[in-house]
Structures are given as structure tokens and as C-alpha cells.
């Protein structure tokens, strides 16, 4: 029968809940006698403070005591002999794929090789962050390099190549409208 607060394995909801969860792994080694001295001391100190874990340890001891009282059942000599005969009668793996532990492993290795060859044959893109940042920096410096030309308005306003462009009919109509609004 469990005491209140020990409904599940190491189910402490108090401030020691994390400590109880850590003790669950060490408790079996402690009860089995395999715990190191430092771990043994830590578990004993925790069991002295935590009633839930103490009840859990008592339950484990009672269960192991009941299991120790059960008779040991060993297989009969006939069963042992027939099992050894069946193992000896198993055919040995032969053939080219006989060295592989299973067909699934052979398929996995073949898929891995195929995927590696396919990935190696793909063209390299500019998905690398350093290449992308480098191209953005070059574009920014290109604009800065062309900035003096853009700032020189006199050169652009007196550019003869622009005056030689034929006037479109829409442009002349738009010019008339702007002239009328100015008057």
C-alpha cells in the first residue's frame, strides 16, 4: 500500500521533484548494491528526507524478495539439444551479398551512395551566405562609384544625346497640357 504523495514512480510534486527524478535512476543501483559510495550516501540522504522515494524503495525490496522466492526454471535437456540442432541446421549465408548482415543494410548503403553521387553532380549555387553578402557589398560599392556622375546635374542636363531623341506624340500633348496650366 502506498502512502499519500507517492502515487506514481518517484512522483514528488514538491520542491524536491527534480531531485526525486534523478534518484529514480540511482535507486535501483543502490538497492542492488552496485552503487558507488558517493552515490550510496546521496541516495541514503535523500531517502531519509523523502517519504515517497522511501516507500518506492520498500516496494522494490518487497518485489525482489517475492521474485527471489520463486523457483528457478531451467530448460530441459531435450529442449536444449533440439535448439542446438536447429541452430546447427541453419544454412550458412553464401553468395555475393552473404557478407551483408541484412538486405535492408544493402539497400541503405546503395541509397547513400546514389544520393552522394547525385548531390555531387548538382551545380553549386550562390546559396552560401558569404557569396551573397559579397555580391551585395559589390553592388553597393558600384552605386557609390557611379555617384559623382549622378551628382553632376549640369552634365546630365546638357547631354546632347537626349535632345536628339524624337519627340513622341504623347509627349507633345502632355507638354501642351502643362503649358496651358501654367498660363
C-alpha atoms as a PDB file:
ATOM      1  CA  UNK A   1       0.000   0.000   0.000  1.00  0.00           C
ATOM      2  CA  UNK A   2       1.367   3.425  -0.950  1.00  0.00           C
ATOM      3  CA  UNK A   3       1.428   6.461   1.245  1.00  0.00           C
ATOM      4  CA  UNK A   4      -0.113   9.719   0.123  1.00  0.00           C
ATOM      5  CA  UNK A   5       2.000  11.640  -2.348  1.00  0.00           C
ATOM      6  CA  UNK A   6       3.591   8.521  -3.853  1.00  0.00           C
ATOM      7  CA  UNK A   7       1.003   7.574  -6.494  1.00  0.00           C
ATOM      8  CA  UNK A   8       3.492   7.015  -9.305  1.00  0.00           C
ATOM      9  CA  UNK A   9       7.150   6.208  -9.617  1.00  0.00           C
ATOM     10  CA  UNK A  10       9.002   8.976  -7.855  1.00  0.00           C
ATOM     11  CA  UNK A  11       6.038  11.337  -8.272  1.00  0.00           C
ATOM     12  CA  UNK A  12       7.005  14.094  -5.933  1.00  0.00           C
ATOM     13  CA  UNK A  13       5.453  17.454  -6.739  1.00  0.00           C
ATOM     14  CA  UNK A  14       7.241  19.416  -4.059  1.00  0.00           C
ATOM     15  CA  UNK A  15      10.478  21.340  -4.264  1.00  0.00           C
ATOM     16  CA  UNK A  16      12.451  18.075  -4.415  1.00  0.00           C
ATOM     17  CA  UNK A  17      10.679  16.874  -7.600  1.00  0.00           C
ATOM     18  CA  UNK A  18      13.799  17.257  -9.746  1.00  0.00           C
ATOM     19  CA  UNK A  19      15.934  15.554  -7.136  1.00  0.00           C
ATOM     20  CA  UNK A  20      13.446  12.643  -6.919  1.00  0.00           C
ATOM     21  CA  UNK A  21      13.565  12.217 -10.709  1.00  0.00           C
ATOM     22  CA  UNK A  22      17.362  11.988 -10.508  1.00  0.00           C
ATOM     23  CA  UNK A  23      17.183   9.473  -7.659  1.00  0.00           C
ATOM     24  CA  UNK A  24      14.998   7.078  -9.668  1.00  0.00           C
ATOM     25  CA  UNK A  25      17.979   6.023 -11.775  1.00  0.00           C
ATOM     26  CA  UNK A  26      20.281   5.665  -8.772  1.00  0.00           C
ATOM     27  CA  UNK A  27      17.736   3.836  -6.615  1.00  0.00           C
ATOM     28  CA  UNK A  28      17.992   0.528  -8.490  1.00  0.00           C
ATOM     29  CA  UNK A  29      21.791   0.559  -8.312  1.00  0.00           C
ATOM     30  CA  UNK A  30      21.574   1.404  -4.606  1.00  0.00           C
ATOM     31  CA  UNK A  31      19.179  -1.448  -3.833  1.00  0.00           C
ATOM     32  CA  UNK A  32      21.185  -3.834  -5.981  1.00  0.00           C
ATOM     33  CA  UNK A  33      24.395  -2.998  -4.117  1.00  0.00           C
ATOM     34  CA  UNK A  34      26.151  -1.716  -7.244  1.00  0.00           C
ATOM     35  CA  UNK A  35      26.163   1.990  -6.294  1.00  0.00           C
ATOM     36  CA  UNK A  36      29.440   3.777  -5.649  1.00  0.00           C
ATOM     37  CA  UNK A  37      29.974   5.054  -2.101  1.00  0.00           C
ATOM     38  CA  UNK A  38      29.243   8.681  -3.018  1.00  0.00           C
ATOM     39  CA  UNK A  39      26.026   7.731  -4.815  1.00  0.00           C
ATOM     40  CA  UNK A  40      25.057   5.415  -1.934  1.00  0.00           C
ATOM     41  CA  UNK A  41      25.430   8.294   0.549  1.00  0.00           C
ATOM     42  CA  UNK A  42      23.402  10.637  -1.673  1.00  0.00           C
ATOM     43  CA  UNK A  43      20.578   8.095  -2.028  1.00  0.00           C
ATOM     44  CA  UNK A  44      20.545   7.375   1.726  1.00  0.00           C
ATOM     45  CA  UNK A  45      20.356  11.103   2.496  1.00  0.00           C
ATOM     46  CA  UNK A  46      17.503  11.511   0.038  1.00  0.00           C
ATOM     47  CA  UNK A  47      15.609   8.503   1.398  1.00  0.00           C
ATOM     48  CA  UNK A  48      15.905   9.935   4.914  1.00  0.00           C
ATOM     49  CA  UNK A  49      14.168  13.131   3.757  1.00  0.00           C
ATOM     50  CA  UNK A  50      11.708  11.943   1.063  1.00  0.00           C
ATOM     51  CA  UNK A  51       8.934   9.597   2.173  1.00  0.00           C
ATOM     52  CA  UNK A  52       7.723   8.946  -1.395  1.00  0.00           C
ATOM     53  CA  UNK A  53      11.096   7.644  -2.512  1.00  0.00           C
ATOM     54  CA  UNK A  54      11.486   5.667   0.743  1.00  0.00           C
ATOM     55  CA  UNK A  55       8.148   3.893   0.066  1.00  0.00           C
ATOM     56  CA  UNK A  56       9.235   3.277  -3.509  1.00  0.00           C
ATOM     57  CA  UNK A  57      12.455   1.641  -2.259  1.00  0.00           C
ATOM     58  CA  UNK A  58      10.462  -0.539   0.142  1.00  0.00           C
ATOM     59  CA  UNK A  59       8.201  -1.616  -2.737  1.00  0.00           C
ATOM     60  CA  UNK A  60      11.251  -2.569  -4.800  1.00  0.00           C
ATOM     61  CA  UNK A  61      12.685  -4.607  -1.913  1.00  0.00           C
ATOM     62  CA  UNK A  62       9.353  -6.438  -1.440  1.00  0.00           C
ATOM     63  CA  UNK A  63       9.098  -7.197  -5.160  1.00  0.00           C
ATOM     64  CA  UNK A  64      12.637  -8.538  -5.349  1.00  0.00           C
ATOM     65  CA  UNK A  65      12.051 -10.643  -2.262  1.00  0.00           C
ATOM     66  CA  UNK A  66       8.970 -12.200  -3.908  1.00  0.00           C
ATOM     67  CA  UNK A  67      10.918 -12.871  -7.107  1.00  0.00           C
ATOM     68  CA  UNK A  68      13.733 -14.495  -5.125  1.00  0.00           C
ATOM     69  CA  UNK A  69      11.221 -16.931  -3.570  1.00  0.00           C
ATOM     70  CA  UNK A  70      10.126 -18.227  -6.997  1.00  0.00           C
ATOM     71  CA  UNK A  71      11.758 -21.475  -8.126  1.00  0.00           C
ATOM     72  CA  UNK A  72      14.372 -21.249 -10.863  1.00  0.00           C
ATOM     73  CA  UNK A  73      13.138 -22.891 -14.032  1.00  0.00           C
ATOM     74  CA  UNK A  74      15.757 -24.234 -16.390  1.00  0.00           C
ATOM     75  CA  UNK A  75      15.069 -25.685 -19.828  1.00  0.00           C
ATOM     76  CA  UNK A  76      15.033 -29.425 -20.168  1.00  0.00           C
ATOM     77  CA  UNK A  77      17.916 -31.274 -21.759  1.00  0.00           C
ATOM     78  CA  UNK A  78      15.679 -32.261 -24.704  1.00  0.00           C
ATOM     79  CA  UNK A  79      14.783 -28.615 -25.384  1.00  0.00           C
ATOM     80  CA  UNK A  80      18.420 -27.582 -25.183  1.00  0.00           C
ATOM     81  CA  UNK A  81      19.534 -30.349 -27.557  1.00  0.00           C
ATOM     82  CA  UNK A  82      16.760 -29.612 -30.104  1.00  0.00           C
ATOM     83  CA  UNK A  83      17.572 -25.883 -30.051  1.00  0.00           C
ATOM     84  CA  UNK A  84      21.265 -26.557 -30.666  1.00  0.00           C
ATOM     85  CA  UNK A  85      20.380 -28.944 -33.514  1.00  0.00           C
ATOM     86  CA  UNK A  86      18.141 -26.302 -35.167  1.00  0.00           C
ATOM     87  CA  UNK A  87      20.899 -23.710 -34.910  1.00  0.00           C
ATOM     88  CA  UNK A  88      23.429 -26.091 -36.454  1.00  0.00           C
ATOM     89  CA  UNK A  89      20.979 -26.940 -39.282  1.00  0.00           C
ATOM     90  CA  UNK A  90      20.621 -23.276 -40.327  1.00  0.00           C
ATOM     91  CA  UNK A  91      22.199 -22.800 -43.744  1.00  0.00           C
ATOM     92  CA  UNK A  92      25.194 -20.513 -43.844  1.00  0.00           C
ATOM     93  CA  UNK A  93      24.814 -17.363 -45.887  1.00  0.00           C
ATOM     94  CA  UNK A  94      26.507 -17.695 -49.199  1.00  0.00           C
ATOM     95  CA  UNK A  95      26.803 -15.636 -52.324  1.00  0.00           C
ATOM     96  CA  UNK A  96      27.863 -12.123 -53.151  1.00  0.00           C
ATOM     97  CA  UNK A  97      25.554 -10.433 -50.623  1.00  0.00           C
ATOM     98  CA  UNK A  98      26.251 -13.010 -47.913  1.00  0.00           C
ATOM     99  CA  UNK A  99      28.711 -10.731 -46.162  1.00  0.00           C
ATOM    100  CA  UNK A 100      25.994  -8.127 -45.522  1.00  0.00           C
ATOM    101  CA  UNK A 101      24.037  -8.534 -42.291  1.00  0.00           C
ATOM    102  CA  UNK A 102      20.678  -7.802 -43.939  1.00  0.00           C
ATOM    103  CA  UNK A 103      19.100  -6.732 -47.231  1.00  0.00           C
ATOM    104  CA  UNK A 104      17.944  -3.517 -45.565  1.00  0.00           C
ATOM    105  CA  UNK A 105      21.535  -2.547 -44.882  1.00  0.00           C
ATOM    106  CA  UNK A 106      22.476  -3.270 -48.514  1.00  0.00           C
ATOM    107  CA  UNK A 107      19.630  -1.052 -49.704  1.00  0.00           C
ATOM    108  CA  UNK A 108      20.614   1.717 -47.286  1.00  0.00           C
ATOM    109  CA  UNK A 109      24.247   1.646 -48.461  1.00  0.00           C
ATOM    110  CA  UNK A 110      23.183   1.707 -52.133  1.00  0.00           C
ATOM    111  CA  UNK A 111      20.788   4.615 -51.483  1.00  0.00           C
ATOM    112  CA  UNK A 112      23.527   6.502 -49.633  1.00  0.00           C
ATOM    113  CA  UNK A 113      25.984   6.054 -52.489  1.00  0.00           C
ATOM    114  CA  UNK A 114      23.360   7.100 -55.068  1.00  0.00           C
ATOM    115  CA  UNK A 115      22.403  10.175 -53.048  1.00  0.00           C
ATOM    116  CA  UNK A 116      26.067  11.146 -52.633  1.00  0.00           C
ATOM    117  CA  UNK A 117      26.725  10.864 -56.370  1.00  0.00           C
ATOM    118  CA  UNK A 118      23.582  12.864 -57.148  1.00  0.00           C
ATOM    119  CA  UNK A 119      24.442  15.611 -54.638  1.00  0.00           C
ATOM    120  CA  UNK A 120      27.995  15.840 -56.000  1.00  0.00           C
ATOM    121  CA  UNK A 121      26.705  16.247 -59.562  1.00  0.00           C
ATOM    122  CA  UNK A 122      24.453  19.211 -58.697  1.00  0.00           C
ATOM    123  CA  UNK A 123      25.785  22.609 -59.763  1.00  0.00           C
ATOM    124  CA  UNK A 124      26.984  24.791 -56.979  1.00  0.00           C
ATOM    125  CA  UNK A 125      24.653  27.751 -56.424  1.00  0.00           C
ATOM    126  CA  UNK A 126      25.166  31.033 -54.668  1.00  0.00           C
ATOM    127  CA  UNK A 127      23.377  29.864 -51.577  1.00  0.00           C
ATOM    128  CA  UNK A 128      26.455  30.387 -49.481  1.00  0.00           C
ATOM    129  CA  UNK A 129      25.943  33.347 -47.135  1.00  0.00           C
ATOM    130  CA  UNK A 130      29.438  34.730 -47.742  1.00  0.00           C
ATOM    131  CA  UNK A 131      28.911  34.790 -51.507  1.00  0.00           C
ATOM    132  CA  UNK A 132      25.549  36.524 -51.151  1.00  0.00           C
ATOM    133  CA  UNK A 133      26.923  39.151 -48.790  1.00  0.00           C
ATOM    134  CA  UNK A 134      29.925  39.698 -51.081  1.00  0.00           C
ATOM    135  CA  UNK A 135      27.672  40.326 -54.107  1.00  0.00           C
ATOM    136  CA  UNK A 136      25.544  42.791 -52.089  1.00  0.00           C
ATOM    137  CA  UNK A 137      28.658  44.694 -50.992  1.00  0.00           C
ATOM    138  CA  UNK A 138      29.915  44.844 -54.594  1.00  0.00           C
ATOM    139  CA  UNK A 139      26.551  46.239 -55.753  1.00  0.00           C
ATOM    140  CA  UNK A 140      26.638  48.915 -53.050  1.00  0.00           C
ATOM    141  CA  UNK A 141      30.168  49.956 -53.979  1.00  0.00           C
ATOM    142  CA  UNK A 142      29.147  50.040 -57.659  1.00  0.00           C
ATOM    143  CA  UNK A 143      26.481  52.640 -56.866  1.00  0.00           C
ATOM    144  CA  UNK A 144      28.933  54.648 -54.789  1.00  0.00           C
ATOM    145  CA  UNK A 145      31.434  54.531 -57.648  1.00  0.00           C
ATOM    146  CA  UNK A 146      28.799  55.973 -60.062  1.00  0.00           C
ATOM    147  CA  UNK A 147      27.623  58.627 -57.589  1.00  0.00           C
ATOM    148  CA  UNK A 148      29.811  61.526 -58.904  1.00  0.00           C
ATOM    149  CA  UNK A 149      28.321  61.096 -62.355  1.00  0.00           C
ATOM    150  CA  UNK A 150      24.796  61.159 -60.990  1.00  0.00           C
ATOM    151  CA  UNK A 151      25.504  64.217 -58.828  1.00  0.00           C
ATOM    152  CA  UNK A 152      26.763  66.285 -61.762  1.00  0.00           C
ATOM    153  CA  UNK A 153      23.413  67.649 -62.936  1.00  0.00           C
ATOM    154  CA  UNK A 154      24.946  70.109 -65.409  1.00  0.00           C
ATOM    155  CA  UNK A 155      26.440  67.249 -67.387  1.00  0.00           C
ATOM    156  CA  UNK A 156      23.154  65.417 -67.495  1.00  0.00           C
ATOM    157  CA  UNK A 157      21.030  68.478 -68.353  1.00  0.00           C
ATOM    158  CA  UNK A 158      23.308  69.498 -71.257  1.00  0.00           C
ATOM    159  CA  UNK A 159      23.607  65.981 -72.601  1.00  0.00           C
ATOM    160  CA  UNK A 160      23.180  66.326 -76.375  1.00  0.00           C
ATOM    161  CA  UNK A 161      22.140  62.735 -76.900  1.00  0.00           C
ATOM    162  CA  UNK A 162      18.884  63.402 -75.012  1.00  0.00           C
ATOM    163  CA  UNK A 163      17.989  66.375 -77.204  1.00  0.00           C
ATOM    164  CA  UNK A 164      18.301  64.282 -80.356  1.00  0.00           C
ATOM    165  CA  UNK A 165      15.584  61.844 -79.305  1.00  0.00           C
ATOM    166  CA  UNK A 166      12.446  62.121 -81.443  1.00  0.00           C
ATOM    167  CA  UNK A 167       9.500  63.595 -79.613  1.00  0.00           C
ATOM    168  CA  UNK A 168       6.601  61.188 -79.178  1.00  0.00           C
ATOM    169  CA  UNK A 169       3.016  62.377 -79.854  1.00  0.00           C
ATOM    170  CA  UNK A 170       2.082  61.702 -76.238  1.00  0.00           C
ATOM    171  CA  UNK A 171       4.951  63.849 -75.019  1.00  0.00           C
ATOM    172  CA  UNK A 172       3.857  66.851 -77.135  1.00  0.00           C
ATOM    173  CA  UNK A 173       0.265  66.538 -75.885  1.00  0.00           C
ATOM    174  CA  UNK A 174       1.491  66.327 -72.325  1.00  0.00           C
ATOM    175  CA  UNK A 175       3.640  69.395 -72.959  1.00  0.00           C
ATOM    176  CA  UNK A 176       0.599  71.331 -74.231  1.00  0.00           C
ATOM    177  CA  UNK A 177      -1.373  70.448 -71.146  1.00  0.00           C
ATOM    178  CA  UNK A 178       1.417  71.629 -68.866  1.00  0.00           C
ATOM    179  CA  UNK A 179       1.793  74.855 -70.851  1.00  0.00           C
ATOM    180  CA  UNK A 180      -1.941  75.551 -70.574  1.00  0.00           C
ATOM    181  CA  UNK A 181      -1.898  75.055 -66.832  1.00  0.00           C
ATOM    182  CA  UNK A 182       0.990  77.458 -66.459  1.00  0.00           C
ATOM    183  CA  UNK A 183      -0.772  80.333 -68.292  1.00  0.00           C
END
